[in-house]
């Protein structure tokens, strides 16, 4: 695809073209744009596939949950040991969910 400066430089030439020549020129430019876009899409898809493979090899796909979710979920499963571990590492016992429930509510 043409650079901006190249397009500006050809403006005087385009100004002297007939309507048919302009249409032909515009079709040519559009075909170049579409070809470049298709190549860009192909390159990006290739990069995405490579990145996904690389992530899968290294096991980088991880899920992270906020502290209140971790604590409330452990409490709702009645996993006292996990609740104890979370409290020992400093997660506040008064954290609550969107309904206002704390871990203590979940244990009952």
N, C-alpha and C. Protein backbone atom coordinates (compact mmCIF):
# COMPACT_ATOMS: atom_id res chain seq x y z
N UNK A 1 0.84 -1.17 0.00
CA UNK A 1 0.00 0.00 0.00
C UNK A 1 0.88 1.23 0.00
N UNK A 2 0.40 2.27 -0.59
CA UNK A 2 1.16 3.50 -0.73
C UNK A 2 1.24 4.25 0.60
N UNK A 3 2.35 4.87 0.81
CA UNK A 3 2.54 5.72 1.98
C UNK A 3 1.82 7.04 1.75
N UNK A 4 1.58 7.75 2.84
CA UNK A 4 0.87 9.02 2.76
C UNK A 4 1.59 10.01 1.84
N UNK A 5 2.91 10.10 1.99
CA UNK A 5 3.68 11.04 1.16
C UNK A 5 3.59 10.68 -0.32
N UNK A 6 3.55 9.38 -0.59
CA UNK A 6 3.43 8.92 -1.97
C UNK A 6 2.07 9.32 -2.55
N UNK A 7 1.04 9.17 -1.75
CA UNK A 7 -0.31 9.55 -2.19
C UNK A 7 -0.40 11.05 -2.45
N UNK A 8 0.20 11.84 -1.56
CA UNK A 8 0.20 13.29 -1.75
C UNK A 8 0.95 13.69 -3.02
N UNK A 9 2.05 13.00 -3.28
CA UNK A 9 2.86 13.31 -4.46
C UNK A 9 2.12 13.01 -5.75
N UNK A 10 1.23 12.02 -5.73
CA UNK A 10 0.53 11.68 -6.97
C UNK A 10 -0.77 12.45 -7.18
N UNK A 11 -1.16 13.28 -6.22
CA UNK A 11 -2.39 14.06 -6.36
C UNK A 11 -2.44 14.90 -7.65
N UNK A 12 -1.36 15.61 -7.98
CA UNK A 12 -1.43 16.39 -9.23
C UNK A 12 -1.68 15.50 -10.46
N UNK A 13 -1.09 14.31 -10.45
CA UNK A 13 -1.28 13.39 -11.56
C UNK A 13 -2.74 12.91 -11.62
N UNK A 14 -3.30 12.57 -10.46
CA UNK A 14 -4.69 12.12 -10.40
C UNK A 14 -5.63 13.24 -10.84
N UNK A 15 -5.27 14.46 -10.50
CA UNK A 15 -6.10 15.61 -10.89
C UNK A 15 -6.21 15.78 -12.40
N UNK A 16 -5.22 15.30 -13.13
CA UNK A 16 -5.24 15.42 -14.59
C UNK A 16 -5.85 14.21 -15.29
N UNK A 17 -6.22 13.20 -14.52
CA UNK A 17 -6.77 11.98 -15.12
C UNK A 17 -8.23 12.18 -15.51
N UNK A 18 -8.66 11.40 -16.47
CA UNK A 18 -10.07 11.39 -16.84
C UNK A 18 -10.84 10.60 -15.77
N UNK A 19 -12.13 10.67 -15.83
CA UNK A 19 -12.96 9.96 -14.85
C UNK A 19 -12.71 8.46 -14.91
N UNK A 20 -12.61 7.93 -16.10
CA UNK A 20 -12.36 6.49 -16.26
C UNK A 20 -11.00 6.10 -15.69
N UNK A 21 -9.99 6.94 -15.95
CA UNK A 21 -8.65 6.66 -15.43
C UNK A 21 -8.62 6.73 -13.90
N UNK A 22 -9.36 7.69 -13.35
CA UNK A 22 -9.44 7.80 -11.88
C UNK A 22 -10.09 6.56 -11.27
N UNK A 23 -11.18 6.11 -11.90
CA UNK A 23 -11.85 4.91 -11.41
C UNK A 23 -10.92 3.70 -11.45
N UNK A 24 -10.20 3.57 -12.56
CA UNK A 24 -9.27 2.45 -12.70
C UNK A 24 -8.17 2.55 -11.64
N UNK A 25 -7.68 3.77 -11.44
CA UNK A 25 -6.64 4.01 -10.43
C UNK A 25 -7.16 3.70 -9.02
N UNK A 26 -8.39 4.11 -8.75
CA UNK A 26 -8.99 3.85 -7.44
C UNK A 26 -9.19 2.35 -7.21
N UNK A 27 -9.60 1.63 -8.23
CA UNK A 27 -9.76 0.18 -8.11
C UNK A 27 -8.41 -0.48 -7.83
N UNK A 28 -7.38 0.01 -8.50
CA UNK A 28 -6.03 -0.53 -8.30
C UNK A 28 -5.58 -0.30 -6.86
N UNK A 29 -5.79 0.92 -6.36
CA UNK A 29 -5.40 1.24 -4.98
C UNK A 29 -6.18 0.40 -3.99
N UNK A 30 -7.48 0.22 -4.24
CA UNK A 30 -8.31 -0.57 -3.33
C UNK A 30 -7.85 -2.02 -3.32
N UNK A 31 -7.52 -2.55 -4.48
CA UNK A 31 -7.02 -3.93 -4.55
C UNK A 31 -5.73 -4.06 -3.74
N UNK A 32 -4.87 -3.04 -3.81
CA UNK A 32 -3.63 -3.05 -3.02
C UNK A 32 -3.94 -3.03 -1.53
N UNK A 33 -4.91 -2.21 -1.14
CA UNK A 33 -5.30 -2.14 0.28
C UNK A 33 -5.81 -3.49 0.77
N UNK A 34 -6.69 -4.10 -0.01
CA UNK A 34 -7.27 -5.38 0.39
C UNK A 34 -6.22 -6.48 0.48
N UNK A 35 -5.28 -6.45 -0.46
CA UNK A 35 -4.20 -7.43 -0.44
C UNK A 35 -3.33 -7.25 0.81
N UNK A 36 -3.02 -5.99 1.11
CA UNK A 36 -2.20 -5.71 2.29
C UNK A 36 -2.96 -6.09 3.56
N UNK A 37 -4.26 -5.80 3.61
CA UNK A 37 -5.06 -6.14 4.78
C UNK A 37 -5.12 -7.67 4.97
N UNK A 38 -5.30 -8.40 3.88
CA UNK A 38 -5.36 -9.86 3.97
C UNK A 38 -4.03 -10.41 4.50
N UNK A 39 -2.93 -9.84 4.04
CA UNK A 39 -1.61 -10.28 4.52
C UNK A 39 -1.45 -9.95 6.00
N UNK A 40 -1.89 -8.77 6.40
CA UNK A 40 -1.84 -8.38 7.81
C UNK A 40 -2.64 -9.35 8.67
N UNK A 41 -3.85 -9.67 8.24
CA UNK A 41 -4.69 -10.61 8.98
C UNK A 41 -4.03 -11.97 9.10
N UNK A 42 -3.43 -12.43 8.01
CA UNK A 42 -2.75 -13.71 8.01
C UNK A 42 -1.57 -13.69 8.99
N UNK A 43 -0.79 -12.63 8.97
CA UNK A 43 0.34 -12.49 9.88
C UNK A 43 -0.10 -12.45 11.32
N UNK A 44 -1.16 -11.70 11.61
CA UNK A 44 -1.65 -11.60 12.98
C UNK A 44 -2.19 -12.94 13.47
N UNK A 45 -2.87 -13.67 12.62
CA UNK A 45 -3.38 -14.99 13.00
C UNK A 45 -2.23 -15.93 13.30
N UNK A 46 -1.20 -15.87 12.48
CA UNK A 46 -0.01 -16.69 12.69
C UNK A 46 0.65 -16.35 14.02
N UNK A 47 0.78 -15.05 14.31
CA UNK A 47 1.39 -14.62 15.57
C UNK A 47 0.54 -15.07 16.75
N UNK A 48 -0.78 -14.99 16.61
CA UNK A 48 -1.68 -15.40 17.70
C UNK A 48 -1.53 -16.90 17.97
N UNK A 49 -1.47 -17.70 16.93
CA UNK A 49 -1.33 -19.14 17.09
C UNK A 49 0.00 -19.46 17.77
N UNK A 50 1.07 -18.79 17.34
CA UNK A 50 2.38 -19.01 17.95
C UNK A 50 2.37 -18.60 19.42
N UNK A 51 1.75 -17.47 19.73
CA UNK A 51 1.69 -17.01 21.10
C UNK A 51 0.88 -17.97 21.96
N UNK A 52 -0.24 -18.45 21.43
CA UNK A 52 -1.07 -19.40 22.18
C UNK A 52 -0.29 -20.69 22.45
N UNK A 53 0.45 -21.18 21.46
CA UNK A 53 1.25 -22.38 21.65
C UNK A 53 2.31 -22.15 22.71
N UNK A 54 2.95 -20.98 22.65
CA UNK A 54 3.99 -20.64 23.61
C UNK A 54 3.41 -20.58 25.02
N UNK A 55 2.25 -19.97 25.17
CA UNK A 55 1.60 -19.87 26.47
C UNK A 55 1.24 -21.25 27.00
N UNK A 56 0.71 -22.10 26.12
CA UNK A 56 0.32 -23.44 26.55
C UNK A 56 1.53 -24.25 27.00
N UNK A 57 2.66 -24.08 26.33
CA UNK A 57 3.87 -24.80 26.72
C UNK A 57 4.33 -24.37 28.10
N UNK A 58 4.28 -23.09 28.35
CA UNK A 58 4.76 -22.57 29.63
C UNK A 58 3.69 -22.59 30.71
N UNK A 59 2.47 -22.92 30.33
CA UNK A 59 1.39 -22.98 31.31
C UNK A 59 1.04 -21.61 31.88
N UNK A 60 1.05 -20.57 31.05
CA UNK A 60 0.82 -19.22 31.55
C UNK A 60 -0.65 -18.85 31.68
N UNK A 61 -1.53 -19.71 31.24
CA UNK A 61 -2.94 -19.39 31.37
C UNK A 61 -3.34 -19.63 32.82
N UNK A 62 -3.56 -18.55 33.53
CA UNK A 62 -3.89 -18.64 34.94
C UNK A 62 -5.13 -17.81 35.21
N UNK A 63 -5.87 -18.27 36.20
CA UNK A 63 -7.04 -17.53 36.62
C UNK A 63 -6.77 -16.99 38.01
N UNK A 64 -7.11 -15.76 38.22
CA UNK A 64 -6.89 -15.12 39.51
C UNK A 64 -8.23 -14.62 40.02
N UNK A 65 -8.50 -14.87 41.29
CA UNK A 65 -9.73 -14.41 41.91
C UNK A 65 -9.38 -13.44 43.03
N UNK A 66 -10.21 -12.44 43.25
CA UNK A 66 -9.99 -11.52 44.37
C UNK A 66 -10.04 -12.26 45.70
N UNK A 67 -9.41 -11.66 46.71
CA UNK A 67 -9.34 -12.30 48.03
C UNK A 67 -10.71 -12.64 48.60
N UNK A 68 -11.66 -11.70 48.47
CA UNK A 68 -12.98 -11.98 49.05
C UNK A 68 -13.64 -13.19 48.38
N UNK A 69 -13.45 -13.37 47.11
CA UNK A 69 -14.03 -14.50 46.39
C UNK A 69 -13.37 -15.80 46.86
N UNK A 70 -12.05 -15.79 46.99
CA UNK A 70 -11.34 -16.98 47.43
C UNK A 70 -11.80 -17.40 48.82
N UNK A 71 -11.88 -16.44 49.73
CA UNK A 71 -12.26 -16.75 51.10
C UNK A 71 -13.71 -17.22 51.17
N UNK A 72 -14.61 -16.51 50.51
CA UNK A 72 -16.02 -16.88 50.53
C UNK A 72 -16.26 -18.25 49.90
N UNK A 73 -15.54 -18.54 48.84
CA UNK A 73 -15.72 -19.82 48.16
C UNK A 73 -15.23 -20.96 49.04
N UNK A 74 -14.09 -20.77 49.67
CA UNK A 74 -13.56 -21.80 50.58
C UNK A 74 -14.54 -22.02 51.74
N UNK A 75 -15.08 -20.93 52.27
CA UNK A 75 -16.03 -21.05 53.37
C UNK A 75 -17.31 -21.75 52.92
N UNK A 76 -17.78 -21.45 51.72
CA UNK A 76 -19.02 -22.08 51.24
C UNK A 76 -18.83 -23.58 51.02
N UNK A 77 -17.60 -24.02 50.78
CA UNK A 77 -17.31 -25.45 50.65
C UNK A 77 -17.02 -26.09 52.00
N UNK A 78 -17.07 -25.27 53.06
CA UNK A 78 -16.74 -25.73 54.41
C UNK A 78 -15.33 -26.30 54.49
N UNK A 79 -14.43 -25.69 53.69
CA UNK A 79 -13.03 -26.10 53.71
C UNK A 79 -12.31 -25.28 54.77
N UNK A 80 -12.40 -25.74 56.01
CA UNK A 80 -11.87 -25.01 57.15
C UNK A 80 -10.37 -24.81 57.03
N UNK A 81 -9.67 -25.81 56.51
CA UNK A 81 -8.21 -25.69 56.37
C UNK A 81 -7.83 -24.57 55.40
N UNK A 82 -8.50 -24.51 54.27
CA UNK A 82 -8.20 -23.44 53.32
C UNK A 82 -8.57 -22.07 53.89
N UNK A 83 -9.69 -21.99 54.57
CA UNK A 83 -10.08 -20.73 55.22
C UNK A 83 -9.00 -20.30 56.20
N UNK A 84 -8.52 -21.26 57.00
CA UNK A 84 -7.46 -20.97 57.97
C UNK A 84 -6.20 -20.45 57.27
N UNK A 85 -5.81 -21.11 56.18
CA UNK A 85 -4.61 -20.69 55.44
C UNK A 85 -4.78 -19.28 54.88
N UNK A 86 -5.94 -19.00 54.34
CA UNK A 86 -6.19 -17.68 53.76
C UNK A 86 -6.15 -16.60 54.84
N UNK A 87 -6.72 -16.90 55.99
CA UNK A 87 -6.70 -15.93 57.10
C UNK A 87 -5.28 -15.74 57.62
N UNK A 88 -4.49 -16.81 57.64
CA UNK A 88 -3.11 -16.73 58.13
C UNK A 88 -2.22 -15.87 57.22
N UNK A 89 -2.52 -15.84 55.93
CA UNK A 89 -1.71 -15.02 55.02
C UNK A 89 -2.20 -13.58 54.96
N UNK A 90 -3.19 -13.27 55.77
CA UNK A 90 -3.59 -11.87 55.90
C UNK A 90 -4.85 -11.44 55.18
N UNK A 91 -5.59 -12.38 54.63
CA UNK A 91 -6.85 -12.00 54.00
C UNK A 91 -7.85 -11.66 55.10
N UNK A 92 -8.46 -10.50 54.97
CA UNK A 92 -9.35 -9.99 56.02
C UNK A 92 -10.63 -10.83 56.12
N UNK A 93 -11.01 -11.21 57.34
CA UNK A 93 -12.22 -12.03 57.51
C UNK A 93 -13.51 -11.24 57.29
N UNK A 94 -13.41 -9.91 57.25
CA UNK A 94 -14.63 -9.11 57.08
C UNK A 94 -14.91 -8.74 55.63
N UNK A 95 -14.21 -9.36 54.71
CA UNK A 95 -14.51 -9.12 53.29
C UNK A 95 -15.88 -9.71 52.98
N UNK A 96 -16.58 -9.10 52.05
CA UNK A 96 -17.93 -9.55 51.74
C UNK A 96 -18.16 -9.56 50.24
N UNK A 97 -19.21 -10.27 49.82
CA UNK A 97 -19.56 -10.32 48.40
C UNK A 97 -20.57 -9.23 48.06
N UNK A 98 -21.09 -9.25 46.84
CA UNK A 98 -22.02 -8.20 46.40
C UNK A 98 -23.34 -8.23 47.16
N UNK A 99 -23.64 -9.33 47.83
CA UNK A 99 -24.86 -9.43 48.62
C UNK A 99 -24.63 -9.05 50.08
N UNK A 100 -23.40 -8.73 50.44
CA UNK A 100 -23.08 -8.35 51.81
C UNK A 100 -22.76 -9.53 52.71
N UNK A 101 -22.61 -10.72 52.13
CA UNK A 101 -22.31 -11.90 52.92
C UNK A 101 -20.81 -12.01 53.18
N UNK A 102 -20.45 -12.36 54.41
CA UNK A 102 -19.04 -12.59 54.76
C UNK A 102 -18.79 -14.09 54.79
N UNK A 103 -17.53 -14.46 55.03
CA UNK A 103 -17.19 -15.88 55.12
C UNK A 103 -17.93 -16.54 56.27
N UNK A 104 -18.12 -15.80 57.36
CA UNK A 104 -18.84 -16.36 58.51
C UNK A 104 -20.28 -16.72 58.12
N UNK A 105 -20.91 -15.89 57.30
CA UNK A 105 -22.26 -16.21 56.83
C UNK A 105 -22.24 -17.52 56.02
N UNK A 106 -21.19 -17.71 55.25
CA UNK A 106 -21.10 -18.88 54.40
C UNK A 106 -20.92 -20.17 55.23
N UNK A 107 -20.23 -20.05 56.34
CA UNK A 107 -19.97 -21.23 57.17
C UNK A 107 -21.22 -21.71 57.91
N UNK A 108 -22.14 -20.81 58.13
CA UNK A 108 -23.33 -21.18 58.90
C UNK A 108 -24.38 -21.85 58.08
